[in-house]
Amino acid sequence: MRVNLTVNGEQRQADDVWEGESLLYVLRERLGLPGSKNACEQGECGSCTVYLDAVPVCACLVAAGQAEGREVRTVEGLADGDRLDPVQQSFVDAGAVQCGFCTPGLVVAAHDLLARVPEPADEEIREALAGNLCRCTGYEKILDAVKLAATRGAGA
């Protein structure tokens, strides 16, 4: 089947998509967008989080056909050309990126939080990131990155 969707503001088309194929597979393998990571394939880790019609979803749980005619925004789509989004830059500046596997999902989750709550409390940050697992850190630098992004007006 053919899937037509808008990805990061650009009309895209994926051909020969099989019925059980995930949106994550289409993004990574068919459209060449490797930012969202394939880790658990069960929606448990959050590393594949993308926006689907402005709502964060685990792309591994979305059938590709469900994205027909819809808008997808990946971690790559947060940047403005070569300029990183303030959330992305804050993750770099705070040292919150280690192996990088969880980072795309954490960045999208933090981006969504700051769009809704520009100055979140620690509890709100923890709750917003609860669906994202990181095996490398104790999460402190990740929390620091979200706080830094908030001070830089990332949600404005």
N, C-alpha and C. Protein backbone atom coordinates (compact mmCIF):
# COMPACT_ATOMS: atom_id res chain seq x y z
N MET A 1 0.84 -1.18 0.00
CA MET A 1 0.00 0.00 0.00
C MET A 1 0.88 1.24 0.00
N ARG A 2 0.33 2.34 -0.40
CA ARG A 2 1.02 3.62 -0.42
C ARG A 2 0.50 4.46 0.75
N VAL A 3 1.42 5.12 1.45
CA VAL A 3 1.03 6.01 2.55
C VAL A 3 1.52 7.41 2.21
N ASN A 4 0.57 8.35 2.22
CA ASN A 4 0.87 9.76 1.98
C ASN A 4 0.71 10.50 3.30
N LEU A 5 1.73 11.24 3.69
CA LEU A 5 1.68 11.96 4.95
C LEU A 5 2.57 13.19 4.85
N THR A 6 2.40 14.09 5.79
CA THR A 6 3.26 15.26 5.87
C THR A 6 4.23 15.01 7.01
N VAL A 7 5.52 15.07 6.69
CA VAL A 7 6.56 14.82 7.70
C VAL A 7 7.43 16.06 7.81
N ASN A 8 7.45 16.63 8.99
CA ASN A 8 8.25 17.83 9.25
C ASN A 8 7.95 18.93 8.24
N GLY A 9 6.66 19.07 7.91
CA GLY A 9 6.20 20.13 7.03
C GLY A 9 6.31 19.85 5.56
N GLU A 10 6.76 18.66 5.19
CA GLU A 10 6.97 18.31 3.79
C GLU A 10 6.09 17.11 3.41
N GLN A 11 5.40 17.22 2.28
CA GLN A 11 4.59 16.10 1.79
C GLN A 11 5.51 14.94 1.44
N ARG A 12 5.21 13.76 1.98
CA ARG A 12 6.04 12.58 1.71
C ARG A 12 5.14 11.42 1.31
N GLN A 13 5.73 10.45 0.66
CA GLN A 13 5.01 9.27 0.22
C GLN A 13 5.88 8.04 0.44
N ALA A 14 5.30 7.01 1.00
CA ALA A 14 6.01 5.74 1.18
C ALA A 14 5.25 4.68 0.39
N ASP A 15 5.97 3.98 -0.47
CA ASP A 15 5.36 2.93 -1.30
C ASP A 15 5.69 1.55 -0.76
N ASP A 16 4.88 0.58 -1.16
CA ASP A 16 5.07 -0.83 -0.81
C ASP A 16 5.09 -1.06 0.69
N VAL A 17 4.29 -0.28 1.42
CA VAL A 17 4.17 -0.45 2.87
C VAL A 17 3.24 -1.63 3.12
N TRP A 18 3.70 -2.57 3.93
CA TRP A 18 2.83 -3.70 4.24
C TRP A 18 1.92 -3.35 5.41
N GLU A 19 0.82 -4.04 5.53
CA GLU A 19 -0.25 -3.67 6.47
C GLU A 19 0.19 -3.60 7.92
N GLY A 20 1.12 -4.44 8.33
CA GLY A 20 1.53 -4.45 9.73
C GLY A 20 2.72 -3.56 10.03
N GLU A 21 3.17 -2.80 9.06
CA GLU A 21 4.36 -1.96 9.22
C GLU A 21 4.06 -0.78 10.13
N SER A 22 5.02 -0.46 11.00
CA SER A 22 4.81 0.65 11.94
C SER A 22 5.22 1.98 11.31
N LEU A 23 4.69 3.04 11.87
CA LEU A 23 5.09 4.38 11.47
C LEU A 23 6.59 4.56 11.71
N LEU A 24 7.09 4.00 12.78
CA LEU A 24 8.52 4.09 13.07
C LEU A 24 9.35 3.49 11.94
N TYR A 25 8.97 2.33 11.46
CA TYR A 25 9.70 1.69 10.37
C TYR A 25 9.65 2.57 9.11
N VAL A 26 8.49 3.10 8.81
CA VAL A 26 8.36 3.96 7.63
C VAL A 26 9.26 5.18 7.76
N LEU A 27 9.25 5.82 8.92
CA LEU A 27 10.09 7.01 9.12
C LEU A 27 11.57 6.69 8.97
N ARG A 28 12.00 5.62 9.62
CA ARG A 28 13.44 5.29 9.62
C ARG A 28 13.90 4.67 8.31
N GLU A 29 13.21 3.66 7.86
CA GLU A 29 13.69 2.84 6.74
C GLU A 29 13.22 3.30 5.37
N ARG A 30 12.04 3.84 5.29
CA ARG A 30 11.50 4.24 3.99
C ARG A 30 11.71 5.72 3.69
N LEU A 31 11.70 6.54 4.75
CA LEU A 31 11.83 7.99 4.53
C LEU A 31 13.19 8.53 4.97
N GLY A 32 14.05 7.68 5.51
CA GLY A 32 15.40 8.10 5.84
C GLY A 32 15.53 9.07 7.00
N LEU A 33 14.66 8.94 7.98
CA LEU A 33 14.70 9.79 9.17
C LEU A 33 15.04 8.92 10.39
N PRO A 34 16.32 8.75 10.68
CA PRO A 34 16.73 7.82 11.74
C PRO A 34 16.69 8.39 13.16
N GLY A 35 16.21 9.62 13.32
CA GLY A 35 16.22 10.24 14.65
C GLY A 35 15.45 9.46 15.70
N SER A 36 14.24 9.08 15.39
CA SER A 36 13.43 8.29 16.31
C SER A 36 14.02 6.89 16.39
N LYS A 37 14.22 6.40 17.59
CA LYS A 37 14.94 5.13 17.76
C LYS A 37 14.01 3.95 17.93
N ASN A 38 14.47 2.80 17.49
CA ASN A 38 13.74 1.54 17.60
C ASN A 38 14.37 0.75 18.74
N ALA A 39 13.74 0.77 19.89
CA ALA A 39 14.31 0.08 21.05
C ALA A 39 13.42 -1.09 21.49
N CYS A 40 12.27 -0.81 22.05
CA CYS A 40 11.48 -1.89 22.64
C CYS A 40 10.40 -2.45 21.71
N GLU A 41 9.95 -1.66 20.75
CA GLU A 41 8.87 -2.04 19.83
C GLU A 41 7.58 -2.39 20.56
N GLN A 42 7.43 -1.90 21.80
CA GLN A 42 6.23 -2.18 22.59
C GLN A 42 5.64 -0.93 23.23
N GLY A 43 6.18 0.24 22.92
CA GLY A 43 5.67 1.48 23.49
C GLY A 43 6.03 1.69 24.94
N GLU A 44 7.03 0.99 25.42
CA GLU A 44 7.41 1.07 26.83
C GLU A 44 8.54 2.05 27.11
N CYS A 45 9.40 2.32 26.12
CA CYS A 45 10.62 3.08 26.40
C CYS A 45 10.56 4.54 25.97
N GLY A 46 9.72 4.89 25.01
CA GLY A 46 9.57 6.26 24.58
C GLY A 46 10.61 6.76 23.60
N SER A 47 11.58 5.93 23.20
CA SER A 47 12.64 6.42 22.32
C SER A 47 12.17 6.71 20.90
N CYS A 48 10.98 6.26 20.55
CA CYS A 48 10.44 6.49 19.21
C CYS A 48 9.37 7.58 19.19
N THR A 49 9.26 8.36 20.24
CA THR A 49 8.20 9.36 20.34
C THR A 49 8.30 10.41 19.24
N VAL A 50 7.17 10.63 18.57
CA VAL A 50 7.02 11.66 17.55
C VAL A 50 5.67 12.33 17.78
N TYR A 51 5.49 13.47 17.13
CA TYR A 51 4.16 14.09 17.13
C TYR A 51 3.36 13.53 15.96
N LEU A 52 2.12 13.15 16.22
CA LEU A 52 1.18 12.77 15.17
C LEU A 52 -0.01 13.71 15.33
N ASP A 53 -0.18 14.59 14.35
CA ASP A 53 -1.19 15.66 14.46
C ASP A 53 -1.04 16.41 15.77
N ALA A 54 0.19 16.76 16.11
CA ALA A 54 0.55 17.57 17.28
C ALA A 54 0.37 16.87 18.62
N VAL A 55 0.18 15.56 18.60
CA VAL A 55 0.04 14.77 19.83
C VAL A 55 1.20 13.78 19.90
N PRO A 56 1.95 13.76 21.00
CA PRO A 56 3.06 12.79 21.09
C PRO A 56 2.54 11.35 21.12
N VAL A 57 3.16 10.51 20.29
CA VAL A 57 2.81 9.09 20.24
C VAL A 57 4.09 8.27 20.13
N CYS A 58 4.01 7.02 20.51
CA CYS A 58 5.11 6.09 20.27
C CYS A 58 4.92 5.56 18.85
N ALA A 59 5.83 5.93 17.97
CA ALA A 59 5.70 5.57 16.56
C ALA A 59 5.74 4.07 16.33
N CYS A 60 6.31 3.32 17.28
CA CYS A 60 6.36 1.87 17.12
C CYS A 60 4.98 1.24 17.29
N LEU A 61 4.05 1.96 17.91
CA LEU A 61 2.70 1.44 18.15
C LEU A 61 1.67 1.91 17.12
N VAL A 62 2.07 2.81 16.25
CA VAL A 62 1.16 3.36 15.25
C VAL A 62 1.37 2.61 13.94
N ALA A 63 0.31 2.01 13.43
CA ALA A 63 0.40 1.36 12.13
C ALA A 63 0.59 2.45 11.08
N ALA A 64 1.46 2.19 10.13
CA ALA A 64 1.79 3.20 9.12
C ALA A 64 0.54 3.72 8.42
N GLY A 65 -0.40 2.84 8.14
CA GLY A 65 -1.64 3.25 7.47
C GLY A 65 -2.45 4.26 8.27
N GLN A 66 -2.28 4.27 9.58
CA GLN A 66 -3.00 5.23 10.41
C GLN A 66 -2.48 6.65 10.21
N ALA A 67 -1.31 6.79 9.63
CA ALA A 67 -0.72 8.11 9.40
C ALA A 67 -1.14 8.69 8.05
N GLU A 68 -1.91 7.95 7.27
CA GLU A 68 -2.35 8.43 5.97
C GLU A 68 -3.03 9.80 6.09
N GLY A 69 -2.50 10.77 5.34
CA GLY A 69 -3.09 12.11 5.32
C GLY A 69 -2.86 12.94 6.57
N ARG A 70 -2.02 12.47 7.45
CA ARG A 70 -1.81 13.16 8.73
C ARG A 70 -0.44 13.83 8.78
N GLU A 71 -0.24 14.63 9.82
CA GLU A 71 1.03 15.34 10.00
C GLU A 71 1.87 14.69 11.08
N VAL A 72 3.12 14.43 10.73
CA VAL A 72 4.09 13.84 11.65
C VAL A 72 5.23 14.84 11.82
N ARG A 73 5.65 15.01 13.05
CA ARG A 73 6.82 15.85 13.33
C ARG A 73 7.77 15.02 14.18
N THR A 74 8.96 14.82 13.65
CA THR A 74 9.96 14.01 14.33
C THR A 74 10.95 14.92 15.06
N VAL A 75 11.88 14.32 15.76
CA VAL A 75 12.91 15.09 16.45
C VAL A 75 13.71 15.92 15.45
N GLU A 76 13.90 15.41 14.23
CA GLU A 76 14.60 16.17 13.20
C GLU A 76 13.83 17.44 12.84
N GLY A 77 12.51 17.36 12.92
CA GLY A 77 11.66 18.49 12.53
C GLY A 77 11.56 19.59 13.57
N LEU A 78 12.15 19.38 14.74
CA LEU A 78 12.13 20.43 15.76
C LEU A 78 13.14 21.52 15.43
N ALA A 79 14.23 21.15 14.81
CA ALA A 79 15.29 22.11 14.46
C ALA A 79 14.81 23.01 13.33
N ASP A 80 15.39 24.19 13.27
CA ASP A 80 15.12 25.14 12.19
C ASP A 80 16.36 25.17 11.30
N GLY A 81 16.38 24.30 10.31
CA GLY A 81 17.57 24.16 9.47
C GLY A 81 18.71 23.62 10.30
N ASP A 82 19.82 24.35 10.33
CA ASP A 82 20.99 23.93 11.11
C ASP A 82 20.92 24.40 12.56
N ARG A 83 19.91 25.16 12.89
CA ARG A 83 19.78 25.71 14.25
C ARG A 83 18.90 24.78 15.09
N LEU A 84 19.48 24.25 16.15
CA LEU A 84 18.72 23.35 17.02
C LEU A 84 17.60 24.09 17.72
N ASP A 85 16.52 23.36 18.00
CA ASP A 85 15.45 23.88 18.84
C ASP A 85 16.02 24.14 20.22
N PRO A 86 15.50 25.11 20.97
CA PRO A 86 16.02 25.38 22.32
C PRO A 86 16.04 24.15 23.23
N VAL A 87 15.09 23.24 23.08
CA VAL A 87 15.10 22.03 23.90
C VAL A 87 16.29 21.16 23.49
N GLN A 88 16.49 20.98 22.20
CA GLN A 88 17.63 20.19 21.74
C GLN A 88 18.94 20.80 22.22
N GLN A 89 19.09 22.11 22.08
CA GLN A 89 20.32 22.78 22.49
C GLN A 89 20.53 22.66 23.99
N SER A 90 19.46 22.73 24.76
CA SER A 90 19.57 22.60 26.21
C SER A 90 20.04 21.21 26.62
N PHE A 91 19.60 20.18 25.90
CA PHE A 91 20.07 18.83 26.19
C PHE A 91 21.58 18.73 25.95
N VAL A 92 22.05 19.36 24.89
CA VAL A 92 23.48 19.36 24.60
C VAL A 92 24.22 20.14 25.68
N ASP A 93 23.76 21.35 25.97
CA ASP A 93 24.45 22.23 26.92
C ASP A 93 24.47 21.69 28.34
N ALA A 94 23.43 20.96 28.73
CA ALA A 94 23.35 20.42 30.08
C ALA A 94 24.06 19.07 30.21
N GLY A 95 24.58 18.54 29.12
CA GLY A 95 25.24 17.24 29.17
C GLY A 95 24.27 16.10 29.38
N ALA A 96 23.04 16.26 28.87
CA ALA A 96 22.00 15.25 29.08
C ALA A 96 22.02 14.16 28.01
N VAL A 97 22.95 14.26 27.06
CA VAL A 97 23.05 13.27 25.99
C VAL A 97 24.23 12.37 26.30
N GLN A 98 23.95 11.08 26.49
CA GLN A 98 25.05 10.14 26.69
C GLN A 98 25.11 9.23 25.48
N CYS A 99 24.51 8.06 25.53
CA CYS A 99 24.57 7.19 24.36
C CYS A 99 23.68 7.72 23.24
N GLY A 100 22.67 8.50 23.58
CA GLY A 100 21.81 9.13 22.59
C GLY A 100 20.60 8.32 22.18
N PHE A 101 20.47 7.12 22.68
CA PHE A 101 19.36 6.28 22.23
C PHE A 101 18.01 6.80 22.72
N CYS A 102 17.95 7.25 23.96
CA CYS A 102 16.69 7.74 24.52
C CYS A 102 16.44 9.20 24.19
N THR A 103 17.47 9.91 23.78
CA THR A 103 17.42 11.36 23.64
C THR A 103 16.30 11.86 22.72
N PRO A 104 16.10 11.29 21.54
CA PRO A 104 15.04 11.82 20.67
C PRO A 104 13.66 11.82 21.33
N GLY A 105 13.32 10.72 21.99
CA GLY A 105 12.02 10.65 22.65
C GLY A 105 11.92 11.60 23.83
N LEU A 106 13.00 11.73 24.58
CA LEU A 106 13.01 12.67 25.71
C LEU A 106 12.88 14.10 25.22
N VAL A 107 13.55 14.42 24.13
CA VAL A 107 13.48 15.78 23.58
C VAL A 107 12.06 16.09 23.12
N VAL A 108 11.42 15.17 22.42
CA VAL A 108 10.05 15.40 21.96
C VAL A 108 9.10 15.53 23.16
N ALA A 109 9.27 14.67 24.17
CA ALA A 109 8.41 14.74 25.36
C ALA A 109 8.62 16.06 26.09
N ALA A 110 9.86 16.50 26.22
CA ALA A 110 10.15 17.78 26.89
C ALA A 110 9.62 18.94 26.06
N HIS A 111 9.75 18.87 24.75
CA HIS A 111 9.24 19.90 23.85
C HIS A 111 7.73 20.04 24.04
N ASP A 112 7.04 18.91 24.09
CA ASP A 112 5.59 18.92 24.28
C ASP A 112 5.23 19.53 25.64
N LEU A 113 5.93 19.12 26.68
CA LEU A 113 5.66 19.66 28.02
C LEU A 113 5.81 21.18 28.02
N LEU A 114 6.91 21.68 27.50
CA LEU A 114 7.18 23.11 27.55
C LEU A 114 6.23 23.92 26.67
N ALA A 115 5.67 23.29 25.66
CA ALA A 115 4.65 23.96 24.86
C ALA A 115 3.35 24.13 25.66
N ARG A 116 3.09 23.19 26.55
CA ARG A 116 1.88 23.23 27.38
C ARG A 116 2.09 23.98 28.69
N VAL A 117 3.29 23.80 29.29
CA VAL A 117 3.61 24.36 30.61
C VAL A 117 4.99 25.01 30.50
N PRO A 118 5.04 26.29 30.17
CA PRO A 118 6.33 26.94 29.92
C PRO A 118 7.29 26.96 31.12
N GLU A 119 6.77 26.94 32.33
CA GLU A 119 7.62 26.94 33.52
C GLU A 119 7.19 25.80 34.44
N PRO A 120 7.50 24.57 34.07
CA PRO A 120 7.02 23.42 34.84
C PRO A 120 7.77 23.23 36.16
N ALA A 121 7.05 22.71 37.13
CA ALA A 121 7.66 22.30 38.40
C ALA A 121 8.35 20.97 38.18
N ASP A 122 9.24 20.61 39.10
CA ASP A 122 9.98 19.35 38.99
C ASP A 122 9.03 18.16 38.83
N GLU A 123 7.94 18.16 39.57
CA GLU A 123 6.98 17.04 39.50
C GLU A 123 6.36 16.95 38.11
N GLU A 124 6.08 18.10 37.51
CA GLU A 124 5.49 18.10 36.17
C GLU A 124 6.49 17.58 35.14
N ILE A 125 7.75 17.92 35.31
CA ILE A 125 8.78 17.42 34.39
C ILE A 125 8.89 15.91 34.53
N ARG A 126 8.97 15.44 35.77
CA ARG A 126 9.08 14.00 36.00
C ARG A 126 7.89 13.24 35.42
N GLU A 127 6.70 13.77 35.60
CA GLU A 127 5.51 13.12 35.08
C GLU A 127 5.52 13.10 33.55
N ALA A 128 5.91 14.22 32.93
CA ALA A 128 5.93 14.31 31.48
C ALA A 128 6.95 13.35 30.85
N LEU A 129 8.03 13.09 31.57
CA LEU A 129 9.08 12.22 31.04
C LEU A 129 8.97 10.78 31.54
N ALA A 130 7.93 10.48 32.30
CA ALA A 130 7.79 9.16 32.92
C ALA A 130 7.72 8.02 31.90
N GLY A 131 7.26 8.29 30.69
CA GLY A 131 7.16 7.24 29.68
C GLY A 131 8.44 7.04 28.88
N ASN A 132 9.51 7.70 29.29
CA ASN A 132 10.78 7.62 28.57
C ASN A 132 11.84 7.03 29.48
N LEU A 133 12.46 5.96 29.02
CA LEU A 133 13.47 5.27 29.82
C LEU A 133 14.87 5.60 29.32
N CYS A 134 15.79 5.78 30.28
CA CYS A 134 17.19 6.01 29.96
C CYS A 134 18.01 5.03 30.80
N ARG A 135 18.88 4.30 30.16
CA ARG A 135 19.68 3.32 30.88
C ARG A 135 21.04 3.84 31.29
N CYS A 136 21.40 5.04 30.81
CA CYS A 136 22.75 5.56 31.06
C CYS A 136 22.85 6.52 32.23
N THR A 137 21.78 7.25 32.51
CA THR A 137 21.88 8.34 33.48
C THR A 137 21.02 8.10 34.70
N GLY A 138 21.18 8.96 35.65
CA GLY A 138 20.29 8.99 36.81
C GLY A 138 19.20 10.03 36.62
N TYR A 139 19.04 10.50 35.41
CA TYR A 139 18.02 11.45 34.98
C TYR A 139 18.26 12.89 35.44
N GLU A 140 19.21 13.14 36.32
CA GLU A 140 19.41 14.51 36.82
C GLU A 140 19.79 15.47 35.70
N LYS A 141 20.69 15.07 34.83
CA LYS A 141 21.09 15.97 33.73
C LYS A 141 19.93 16.17 32.75
N ILE A 142 19.09 15.18 32.62
CA ILE A 142 17.91 15.32 31.76
C ILE A 142 16.95 16.34 32.36
N LEU A 143 16.73 16.24 33.66
CA LEU A 143 15.88 17.22 34.35
C LEU A 143 16.50 18.62 34.24
N ASP A 144 17.81 18.70 34.41
CA ASP A 144 18.51 19.97 34.27
C ASP A 144 18.30 20.56 32.87
N ALA A 145 18.34 19.71 31.87
CA ALA A 145 18.17 20.17 30.49
C ALA A 145 16.77 20.76 30.27
N VAL A 146 15.76 20.11 30.82
CA VAL A 146 14.40 20.62 30.66
C VAL A 146 14.24 21.95 31.40
N LYS A 147 14.82 22.03 32.59
CA LYS A 147 14.77 23.31 33.33
C LYS A 147 15.50 24.40 32.57
N LEU A 148 16.65 24.08 32.00
CA LEU A 148 17.41 25.05 31.22
C LEU A 148 16.61 25.51 30.02
N ALA A 149 15.96 24.58 29.32
CA ALA A 149 15.14 24.93 28.17
C ALA A 149 14.00 25.86 28.59
N ALA A 150 13.43 25.61 29.76
CA ALA A 150 12.34 26.47 30.25
C ALA A 150 12.85 27.88 30.51
N THR A 151 14.03 28.01 31.09
CA THR A 151 14.58 29.35 31.37
C THR A 151 14.92 30.08 30.07
N ARG A 152 15.15 29.33 29.01
CA ARG A 152 15.45 29.93 27.70
C ARG A 152 14.20 30.22 26.90
N GLY A 153 13.05 29.97 27.52
CA GLY A 153 11.78 30.26 26.84
C GLY A 153 11.40 29.29 25.77
N ALA A 154 11.80 28.04 25.92
CA ALA A 154 11.55 27.04 24.89
C ALA A 154 10.06 26.82 24.64
N GLY A 155 9.23 27.01 25.63
CA GLY A 155 7.80 26.79 25.45
C GLY A 155 7.05 27.97 24.89
N ALA A 156 7.74 29.10 24.78
CA ALA A 156 7.05 30.32 24.32
C ALA A 156 6.78 30.29 22.84
